[in-house]
Amino acid sequence: MVLVMFILGLIFGSFFYAAGCRIPLQISIIKPRSSCSFCRNPLSYTELIPVFSFFLQKGRCKSCSQKLSLMYPAAELWTAGLFTAAYLRFGLSGELFVALLLISLLSIIVASDIHYMLIPDSVLMFFLPFLIAGRMIAPLPAWYDSLSGAAAGFFMLVLIAVLSKGGIGGGDIKLFAVLGIALGVKMLIAAFVLAVFIGMLYGACGTLSGKLDRKQPIPFAPAIAAGSLVSYLYGEEILALYVKMAMY
């Protein structure tokens, strides 16, 4: 099952990355077939094998020999690793269904935000009913925690947006509201703290290295995704460790 989940993650990771690149441009995720972003030649089936095609072609298009982005295999391996981690964490259970939905949502959102600084409403609205259904199958300890998590995610980010005078985008606000359904209040707050820390660390490193200007906006969805998934998969252990360390 570990191998099955890893292979499924590779396949879906390739699809999620393509979806994240196409949806903001209002291009169908089904047609046309994937093509080289340089020469526009449709990719053959041997060029669509996740990760392996990239390395077999030495990171270049077979038709025009242009160098391909490392984002392709990175997105595929990211999703494969997360699918596997979710299975190892939850096994074949209702919670695994929620985990896979959450990973799928965040994988698409990350690709979209990296390329276009945009979190499409259509993606959030597509996953919203599935996450609600998932939480009916595998509810949080308190029946109201998903509702309070969604409310907390929305109003907490709205307050921060007001206080920071637009420092938080509308897409981030709606994303945290949707995440609250899966995470609940406690893990949502932990996810937000981790996301802010990761975002600040990335911004500081980018500024010090000269790759980012001090006031240059950066995509926040990757930090949100990292913080949310760490909180969701290992939040209880992290909080327990924090409490234990605070006692000494």
C-alpha atoms as a PDB file:
ATOM      1  CA  MET A   1       0.000   0.000   0.000  1.00  0.00           C
ATOM      2  CA  VAL A   2       2.903   2.372   0.645  1.00  0.00           C
ATOM      3  CA  LEU A   3       4.099   1.839  -2.930  1.00  0.00           C
ATOM      4  CA  VAL A   4       0.554   2.218  -4.272  1.00  0.00           C
ATOM      5  CA  MET A   5       0.073   5.515  -2.418  1.00  0.00           C
ATOM      6  CA  PHE A   6       3.445   6.800  -3.632  1.00  0.00           C
ATOM      7  CA  ILE A   7       2.634   5.983  -7.281  1.00  0.00           C
ATOM      8  CA  LEU A   8      -0.847   7.517  -6.964  1.00  0.00           C
ATOM      9  CA  GLY A   9       0.773  10.622  -5.483  1.00  0.00           C
ATOM     10  CA  LEU A  10       3.140  10.895  -8.457  1.00  0.00           C
ATOM     11  CA  ILE A  11       0.270  10.606 -10.935  1.00  0.00           C
ATOM     12  CA  PHE A  12      -2.047  13.004  -9.127  1.00  0.00           C
ATOM     13  CA  GLY A  13       0.831  15.371  -8.403  1.00  0.00           C
ATOM     14  CA  SER A  14       1.421  15.787 -12.122  1.00  0.00           C
ATOM     15  CA  PHE A  15      -2.287  16.464 -12.667  1.00  0.00           C
ATOM     16  CA  PHE A  16      -2.532  18.903  -9.734  1.00  0.00           C
ATOM     17  CA  TYR A  17       0.429  20.931 -10.975  1.00  0.00           C
ATOM     18  CA  ALA A  18      -1.097  21.168 -14.456  1.00  0.00           C
ATOM     19  CA  ALA A  19      -4.459  22.141 -12.925  1.00  0.00           C
ATOM     20  CA  GLY A  20      -2.821  24.858 -10.817  1.00  0.00           C
ATOM     21  CA  CYS A  21      -1.208  26.296 -13.927  1.00  0.00           C
ATOM     22  CA  ARG A  22      -4.337  26.107 -16.101  1.00  0.00           C
ATOM     23  CA  ILE A  23      -7.256  27.048 -13.849  1.00  0.00           C
ATOM     24  CA  PRO A  24      -6.201  30.693 -13.247  1.00  0.00           C
ATOM     25  CA  LEU A  25      -5.977  31.124 -17.033  1.00  0.00           C
ATOM     26  CA  GLN A  26      -9.455  29.564 -17.416  1.00  0.00           C
ATOM     27  CA  ILE A  27      -8.052  26.768 -19.568  1.00  0.00           C
ATOM     28  CA  SER A  28      -9.696  23.344 -19.424  1.00  0.00           C
ATOM     29  CA  ILE A  29      -7.831  20.840 -17.250  1.00  0.00           C
ATOM     30  CA  ILE A  30      -8.795  18.072 -19.722  1.00  0.00           C
ATOM     31  CA  LYS A  31      -8.147  19.583 -23.168  1.00  0.00           C
ATOM     32  CA  PRO A  32      -5.871  20.387 -24.900  1.00  0.00           C
ATOM     33  CA  ARG A  33      -3.242  17.771 -24.127  1.00  0.00           C
ATOM     34  CA  SER A  34      -0.168  18.803 -22.185  1.00  0.00           C
ATOM     35  CA  SER A  35       2.427  20.467 -24.384  1.00  0.00           C
ATOM     36  CA  CYS A  36       5.881  21.984 -24.137  1.00  0.00           C
ATOM     37  CA  SER A  37       5.634  25.551 -22.819  1.00  0.00           C
ATOM     38  CA  PHE A  38       8.333  26.625 -25.323  1.00  0.00           C
ATOM     39  CA  CYS A  39       7.614  24.933 -28.678  1.00  0.00           C
ATOM     40  CA  ARG A  40       3.958  24.027 -27.912  1.00  0.00           C
ATOM     41  CA  ASN A  41       4.358  20.509 -29.303  1.00  0.00           C
ATOM     42  CA  PRO A  42       1.967  18.045 -27.589  1.00  0.00           C
ATOM     43  CA  LEU A  43       3.803  15.707 -25.232  1.00  0.00           C
ATOM     44  CA  SER A  44       3.892  12.018 -26.078  1.00  0.00           C
ATOM     45  CA  TYR A  45       2.877   9.416 -23.502  1.00  0.00           C
ATOM     46  CA  THR A  46       6.524   8.596 -22.804  1.00  0.00           C
ATOM     47  CA  GLU A  47       7.061  12.254 -21.888  1.00  0.00           C
ATOM     48  CA  LEU A  48       4.243  12.192 -19.356  1.00  0.00           C
ATOM     49  CA  ILE A  49       5.602   9.583 -16.933  1.00  0.00           C
ATOM     50  CA  PRO A  50       5.908  11.465 -13.627  1.00  0.00           C
ATOM     51  CA  VAL A  51       9.505  12.207 -12.544  1.00  0.00           C
ATOM     52  CA  PHE A  52      11.038   9.488 -14.741  1.00  0.00           C
ATOM     53  CA  SER A  53      10.364  11.314 -18.027  1.00  0.00           C
ATOM     54  CA  PHE A  54      12.061  14.437 -16.673  1.00  0.00           C
ATOM     55  CA  PHE A  55      15.257  12.599 -15.772  1.00  0.00           C
ATOM     56  CA  LEU A  56      15.261  10.318 -18.834  1.00  0.00           C
ATOM     57  CA  GLN A  57      15.105  13.455 -20.994  1.00  0.00           C
ATOM     58  CA  LYS A  58      17.802  15.084 -18.821  1.00  0.00           C
ATOM     59  CA  GLY A  59      15.412  17.898 -17.962  1.00  0.00           C
ATOM     60  CA  ARG A  60      14.906  18.986 -21.555  1.00  0.00           C
ATOM     61  CA  CYS A  61      12.075  18.921 -24.097  1.00  0.00           C
ATOM     62  CA  LYS A  62      12.510  16.135 -26.680  1.00  0.00           C
ATOM     63  CA  SER A  63      11.275  18.403 -29.470  1.00  0.00           C
ATOM     64  CA  CYS A  64      13.076  21.709 -28.897  1.00  0.00           C
ATOM     65  CA  SER A  65      15.694  20.773 -26.256  1.00  0.00           C
ATOM     66  CA  GLN A  66      14.711  23.708 -24.052  1.00  0.00           C
ATOM     67  CA  LYS A  67      15.437  23.242 -20.352  1.00  0.00           C
ATOM     68  CA  LEU A  68      12.348  22.235 -18.349  1.00  0.00           C
ATOM     69  CA  SER A  69      11.463  23.602 -14.934  1.00  0.00           C
ATOM     70  CA  LEU A  70      12.342  21.564 -11.857  1.00  0.00           C
ATOM     71  CA  MET A  71       8.878  22.472 -10.582  1.00  0.00           C
ATOM     72  CA  TYR A  72       7.434  19.518 -12.526  1.00  0.00           C
ATOM     73  CA  PRO A  73       9.233  16.677 -10.721  1.00  0.00           C
ATOM     74  CA  ALA A  74       9.218  18.664  -7.457  1.00  0.00           C
ATOM     75  CA  ALA A  75       5.409  18.934  -7.505  1.00  0.00           C
ATOM     76  CA  GLU A  76       5.063  15.241  -8.318  1.00  0.00           C
ATOM     77  CA  LEU A  77       7.432  14.140  -5.555  1.00  0.00           C
ATOM     78  CA  TRP A  78       5.823  16.570  -3.069  1.00  0.00           C
ATOM     79  CA  THR A  79       2.401  15.011  -3.619  1.00  0.00           C
ATOM     80  CA  ALA A  80       3.754  11.452  -3.648  1.00  0.00           C
ATOM     81  CA  GLY A  81       5.543  12.008  -0.357  1.00  0.00           C
ATOM     82  CA  LEU A  82       2.485  13.558   1.250  1.00  0.00           C
ATOM     83  CA  PHE A  83       0.117  10.808   0.040  1.00  0.00           C
ATOM     84  CA  THR A  84       2.508   8.257   1.523  1.00  0.00           C
ATOM     85  CA  ALA A  85       2.876  10.174   4.797  1.00  0.00           C
ATOM     86  CA  ALA A  86      -0.909  10.437   5.109  1.00  0.00           C
ATOM     87  CA  TYR A  87      -1.335   6.681   4.636  1.00  0.00           C
ATOM     88  CA  LEU A  88       1.402   5.910   7.166  1.00  0.00           C
ATOM     89  CA  ARG A  89      -0.278   8.294   9.601  1.00  0.00           C
ATOM     90  CA  PHE A  90      -3.926   7.272   9.220  1.00  0.00           C
ATOM     91  CA  GLY A  91      -3.982   3.912   7.403  1.00  0.00           C
ATOM     92  CA  LEU A  92      -7.072   2.979   5.402  1.00  0.00           C
ATOM     93  CA  SER A  93      -9.580   5.110   7.285  1.00  0.00           C
ATOM     94  CA  GLY A  94     -12.035   7.937   6.899  1.00  0.00           C
ATOM     95  CA  GLU A  95      -9.357  10.348   8.081  1.00  0.00           C
ATOM     96  CA  LEU A  96      -7.177   9.286   5.135  1.00  0.00           C
ATOM     97  CA  PHE A  97      -9.940  10.516   2.822  1.00  0.00           C
ATOM     98  CA  VAL A  98      -9.835  13.939   4.514  1.00  0.00           C
ATOM     99  CA  ALA A  99      -6.028  13.961   4.369  1.00  0.00           C
ATOM    100  CA  LEU A 100      -5.928  13.209   0.637  1.00  0.00           C
ATOM    101  CA  LEU A 101      -8.514  15.928  -0.049  1.00  0.00           C
ATOM    102  CA  LEU A 102      -6.478  18.440   1.956  1.00  0.00           C
ATOM    103  CA  ILE A 103      -3.241  17.505   0.175  1.00  0.00           C
ATOM    104  CA  SER A 104      -4.949  17.713  -3.219  1.00  0.00           C
ATOM    105  CA  LEU A 105      -6.415  21.149  -2.495  1.00  0.00           C
ATOM    106  CA  LEU A 106      -3.122  22.560  -1.247  1.00  0.00           C
ATOM    107  CA  SER A 107      -1.103  21.072  -4.121  1.00  0.00           C
ATOM    108  CA  ILE A 108      -3.262  22.888  -6.688  1.00  0.00           C
ATOM    109  CA  ILE A 109      -3.324  26.109  -4.674  1.00  0.00           C
ATOM    110  CA  VAL A 110       0.459  26.168  -4.248  1.00  0.00           C
ATOM    111  CA  ALA A 111       1.064  25.797  -8.003  1.00  0.00           C
ATOM    112  CA  SER A 112      -1.453  28.540  -8.769  1.00  0.00           C
ATOM    113  CA  ASP A 113      -0.089  30.967  -6.184  1.00  0.00           C
ATOM    114  CA  ILE A 114       3.552  30.425  -7.174  1.00  0.00           C
ATOM    115  CA  HIS A 115       2.851  31.151 -10.836  1.00  0.00           C
ATOM    116  CA  TYR A 116       0.087  33.781 -10.664  1.00  0.00           C
ATOM    117  CA  MET A 117      -0.117  35.006  -7.026  1.00  0.00           C
ATOM    118  CA  LEU A 118      -3.725  33.843  -7.144  1.00  0.00           C
ATOM    119  CA  ILE A 119      -5.865  31.396  -5.159  1.00  0.00           C
ATOM    120  CA  PRO A 120      -8.819  30.594  -7.463  1.00  0.00           C
ATOM    121  CA  ASP A 121     -12.265  30.621  -5.844  1.00  0.00           C
ATOM    122  CA  SER A 122     -13.314  27.791  -8.166  1.00  0.00           C
ATOM    123  CA  VAL A 123     -10.753  25.440  -6.587  1.00  0.00           C
ATOM    124  CA  LEU A 124     -11.888  26.316  -3.049  1.00  0.00           C
ATOM    125  CA  MET A 125     -15.557  25.894  -3.950  1.00  0.00           C
ATOM    126  CA  PHE A 126     -14.868  22.547  -5.619  1.00  0.00           C
ATOM    127  CA  PHE A 127     -13.167  21.076  -2.544  1.00  0.00           C
ATOM    128  CA  LEU A 128     -15.470  22.667   0.052  1.00  0.00           C
ATOM    129  CA  PRO A 129     -18.374  20.150  -0.178  1.00  0.00           C
ATOM    130  CA  PHE A 130     -15.950  17.204  -0.280  1.00  0.00           C
ATOM    131  CA  LEU A 131     -14.190  18.391   2.880  1.00  0.00           C
ATOM    132  CA  ILE A 132     -17.560  18.851   4.596  1.00  0.00           C
ATOM    133  CA  ALA A 133     -18.520  15.314   3.553  1.00  0.00           C
ATOM    134  CA  GLY A 134     -15.140  14.046   4.722  1.00  0.00           C
ATOM    135  CA  ARG A 135     -15.661  15.589   8.150  1.00  0.00           C
ATOM    136  CA  MET A 136     -19.056  13.872   8.336  1.00  0.00           C
ATOM    137  CA  ILE A 137     -17.343  10.538   7.662  1.00  0.00           C
ATOM    138  CA  ALA A 138     -14.442  11.268  10.021  1.00  0.00           C
ATOM    139  CA  PRO A 139     -15.604  14.000  12.424  1.00  0.00           C
ATOM    140  CA  LEU A 140     -13.320  15.926  14.745  1.00  0.00           C
ATOM    141  CA  PRO A 141     -13.582  15.139  18.498  1.00  0.00           C
ATOM    142  CA  ALA A 142     -16.179  17.903  18.993  1.00  0.00           C
ATOM    143  CA  TRP A 143     -18.992  17.984  16.411  1.00  0.00           C
ATOM    144  CA  TYR A 144     -18.861  21.782  16.175  1.00  0.00           C
ATOM    145  CA  ASP A 145     -15.081  22.030  15.756  1.00  0.00           C
ATOM    146  CA  SER A 146     -15.203  22.107  11.959  1.00  0.00           C
ATOM    147  CA  LEU A 147     -17.739  24.953  11.975  1.00  0.00           C
ATOM    148  CA  SER A 148     -15.841  26.927  14.601  1.00  0.00           C
ATOM    149  CA  GLY A 149     -12.600  26.235  12.709  1.00  0.00           C
ATOM    150  CA  ALA A 150     -14.045  27.664   9.509  1.00  0.00           C
ATOM    151  CA  ALA A 151     -15.377  30.725  11.362  1.00  0.00           C
ATOM    152  CA  ALA A 152     -12.071  31.227  13.197  1.00  0.00           C
ATOM    153  CA  GLY A 153     -10.076  30.936   9.980  1.00  0.00           C
ATOM    154  CA  PHE A 154     -12.228  33.514   8.224  1.00  0.00           C
ATOM    155  CA  PHE A 155     -12.573  36.138  10.956  1.00  0.00           C
ATOM    156  CA  MET A 156      -8.987  35.805  12.217  1.00  0.00           C
ATOM    157  CA  LEU A 157      -7.616  36.507   8.723  1.00  0.00           C
ATOM    158  CA  VAL A 158     -10.129  39.331   8.133  1.00  0.00           C
ATOM    159  CA  LEU A 159      -8.977  40.996  11.355  1.00  0.00           C
ATOM    160  CA  ILE A 160      -5.327  40.634  10.328  1.00  0.00           C
ATOM    161  CA  ALA A 161      -6.116  42.008   6.856  1.00  0.00           C
ATOM    162  CA  VAL A 162      -7.766  45.070   8.418  1.00  0.00           C
ATOM    163  CA  LEU A 163      -4.980  45.672  10.936  1.00  0.00           C
ATOM    164  CA  SER A 164      -2.257  45.187   8.319  1.00  0.00           C
ATOM    165  CA  LYS A 165      -4.147  47.329   5.772  1.00  0.00           C
ATOM    166  CA  GLY A 166      -4.253  44.652   3.093  1.00  0.00           C
ATOM    167  CA  GLY A 167      -1.245  42.599   4.148  1.00  0.00           C
ATOM    168  CA  ILE A 168      -3.352  39.453   3.724  1.00  0.00           C
ATOM    169  CA  GLY A 169      -5.092  38.723   0.425  1.00  0.00           C
ATOM    170  CA  GLY A 170      -8.728  37.734   0.015  1.00  0.00           C
ATOM    171  CA  GLY A 171      -7.696  34.338  -1.337  1.00  0.00           C
ATOM    172  CA  ASP A 172      -5.739  33.613   1.837  1.00  0.00           C
ATOM    173  CA  ILE A 173      -8.779  34.513   3.957  1.00  0.00           C
ATOM    174  CA  LYS A 174     -11.072  32.163   2.064  1.00  0.00           C
ATOM    175  CA  LEU A 175      -8.424  29.417   2.055  1.00  0.00           C
ATOM    176  CA  PHE A 176      -8.099  29.539   5.857  1.00  0.00           C
ATOM    177  CA  ALA A 177     -11.883  29.332   6.192  1.00  0.00           C
ATOM    178  CA  VAL A 178     -11.885  26.137   4.125  1.00  0.00           C
ATOM    179  CA  LEU A 179      -8.871  24.764   5.994  1.00  0.00           C
ATOM    180  CA  GLY A 180     -10.686  25.342   9.283  1.00  0.00           C
ATOM    181  CA  ILE A 181     -13.211  22.665   8.337  1.00  0.00           C
ATOM    182  CA  ALA A 182     -10.492  20.033   8.129  1.00  0.00           C
ATOM    183  CA  LEU A 183      -8.252  21.261  10.946  1.00  0.00           C
ATOM    184  CA  GLY A 184     -10.543  22.623  13.644  1.00  0.00           C
ATOM    185  CA  VAL A 185      -9.688  25.660  15.766  1.00  0.00           C
ATOM    186  CA  LYS A 186      -6.626  24.397  17.655  1.00  0.00           C
ATOM    187  CA  MET A 187      -4.768  22.980  14.669  1.00  0.00           C
ATOM    188  CA  LEU A 188      -5.807  25.942  12.514  1.00  0.00           C
ATOM    189  CA  ILE A 189      -4.131  28.366  14.919  1.00  0.00           C
ATOM    190  CA  ALA A 190      -1.035  26.152  14.971  1.00  0.00           C
ATOM    191  CA  ALA A 191      -1.082  26.098  11.158  1.00  0.00           C
ATOM    192  CA  PHE A 192      -1.300  29.889  11.012  1.00  0.00           C
ATOM    193  CA  VAL A 193       1.618  30.352  13.426  1.00  0.00           C
ATOM    194  CA  LEU A 194       3.752  27.902  11.423  1.00  0.00           C
ATOM    195  CA  ALA A 195       2.756  29.529   8.124  1.00  0.00           C
ATOM    196  CA  VAL A 196       3.724  33.003   9.361  1.00  0.00           C
ATOM    197  CA  PHE A 197       7.051  31.687  10.646  1.00  0.00           C
ATOM    198  CA  ILE A 198       7.812  29.889   7.360  1.00  0.00           C
ATOM    199  CA  GLY A 199       6.752  32.927   5.322  1.00  0.00           C
ATOM    200  CA  MET A 200       8.906  35.291   7.400  1.00  0.00           C
ATOM    201  CA  LEU A 201      11.877  32.931   7.146  1.00  0.00           C
ATOM    202  CA  TYR A 202      11.516  32.712   3.359  1.00  0.00           C
ATOM    203  CA  GLY A 203      11.128  36.474   3.046  1.00  0.00           C
ATOM    204  CA  ALA A 204      14.161  37.155   5.250  1.00  0.00           C
ATOM    205  CA  CYS A 205      16.342  34.688   3.333  1.00  0.00           C
ATOM    206  CA  GLY A 206      15.187  36.113   0.010  1.00  0.00           C
ATOM    207  CA  THR A 207      15.865  39.686   1.121  1.00  0.00           C
ATOM    208  CA  LEU A 208      19.306  38.916   2.581  1.00  0.00           C
ATOM    209  CA  SER A 209      20.312  37.026  -0.569  1.00  0.00           C
ATOM    210  CA  GLY A 210      19.163  39.890  -2.778  1.00  0.00           C
ATOM    211  CA  LYS A 211      16.570  37.796  -4.615  1.00  0.00           C
ATOM    212  CA  LEU A 212      13.651  39.729  -3.095  1.00  0.00           C
ATOM    213  CA  ASP A 213      13.041  43.421  -2.535  1.00  0.00           C
ATOM    214  CA  ARG A 214      12.051  44.450   0.976  1.00  0.00           C
ATOM    215  CA  LYS A 215       8.488  45.384  -0.053  1.00  0.00           C
ATOM    216  CA  GLN A 216       8.067  42.779  -2.794  1.00  0.00           C
ATOM    217  CA  PRO A 217       4.943  40.628  -2.265  1.00  0.00           C
ATOM    218  CA  ILE A 218       5.549  36.886  -2.104  1.00  0.00           C
ATOM    219  CA  PRO A 219       3.123  33.976  -2.596  1.00  0.00           C
ATOM    220  CA  PHE A 220       1.870  32.983   0.859  1.00  0.00           C
ATOM    221  CA  ALA A 221       0.085  29.762  -0.159  1.00  0.00           C
ATOM    222  CA  PRO A 222       3.265  27.590  -0.035  1.00  0.00           C
ATOM    223  CA  ALA A 223       3.840  28.691   3.580  1.00  0.00           C
ATOM    224  CA  ILE A 224       0.155  28.088   4.386  1.00  0.00           C
ATOM    225  CA  ALA A 225       0.344  24.620   2.835  1.00  0.00           C
ATOM    226  CA  ALA A 226       3.495  23.688   4.733  1.00  0.00           C
ATOM    227  CA  GLY A 227       2.160  25.013   8.034  1.00  0.00           C
ATOM    228  CA  SER A 228      -1.240  23.379   7.568  1.00  0.00           C
ATOM    229  CA  LEU A 229       0.102  19.958   6.656  1.00  0.00           C
ATOM    230  CA  VAL A 230       2.692  19.892   9.448  1.00  0.00           C
ATOM    231  CA  SER A 231      -0.027  20.937  11.894  1.00  0.00           C
ATOM    232  CA  TYR A 232      -2.527  18.426  10.517  1.00  0.00           C
ATOM    233  CA  LEU A 233      -0.197  15.440  10.405  1.00  0.00           C
ATOM    234  CA  TYR A 234       1.974  16.091  13.464  1.00  0.00           C
ATOM    235  CA  GLY A 235       0.368  18.974  15.353  1.00  0.00           C
ATOM    236  CA  GLU A 236      -0.560  16.998  18.453  1.00  0.00           C
ATOM    237  CA  GLU A 237       3.004  15.717  18.861  1.00  0.00           C
ATOM    238  CA  ILE A 238       4.459  19.200  18.311  1.00  0.00           C
ATOM    239  CA  LEU A 239       2.120  20.736  20.905  1.00  0.00           C
ATOM    240  CA  ALA A 240       2.906  17.961  23.389  1.00  0.00           C
ATOM    241  CA  LEU A 241       6.642  18.547  22.878  1.00  0.00           C
ATOM    242  CA  TYR A 242       6.174  22.289  23.308  1.00  0.00           C
ATOM    243  CA  VAL A 243       4.258  21.803  26.580  1.00  0.00           C
ATOM    244  CA  LYS A 244       6.902  19.376  27.828  1.00  0.00           C
ATOM    245  CA  MET A 245       9.721  21.825  27.020  1.00  0.00           C
ATOM    246  CA  ALA A 246       7.827  24.714  28.606  1.00  0.00           C
ATOM    247  CA  MET A 247       7.646  22.803  31.882  1.00  0.00           C
ATOM    248  CA  TYR A 248      11.450  22.740  32.223  1.00  0.00           C
END
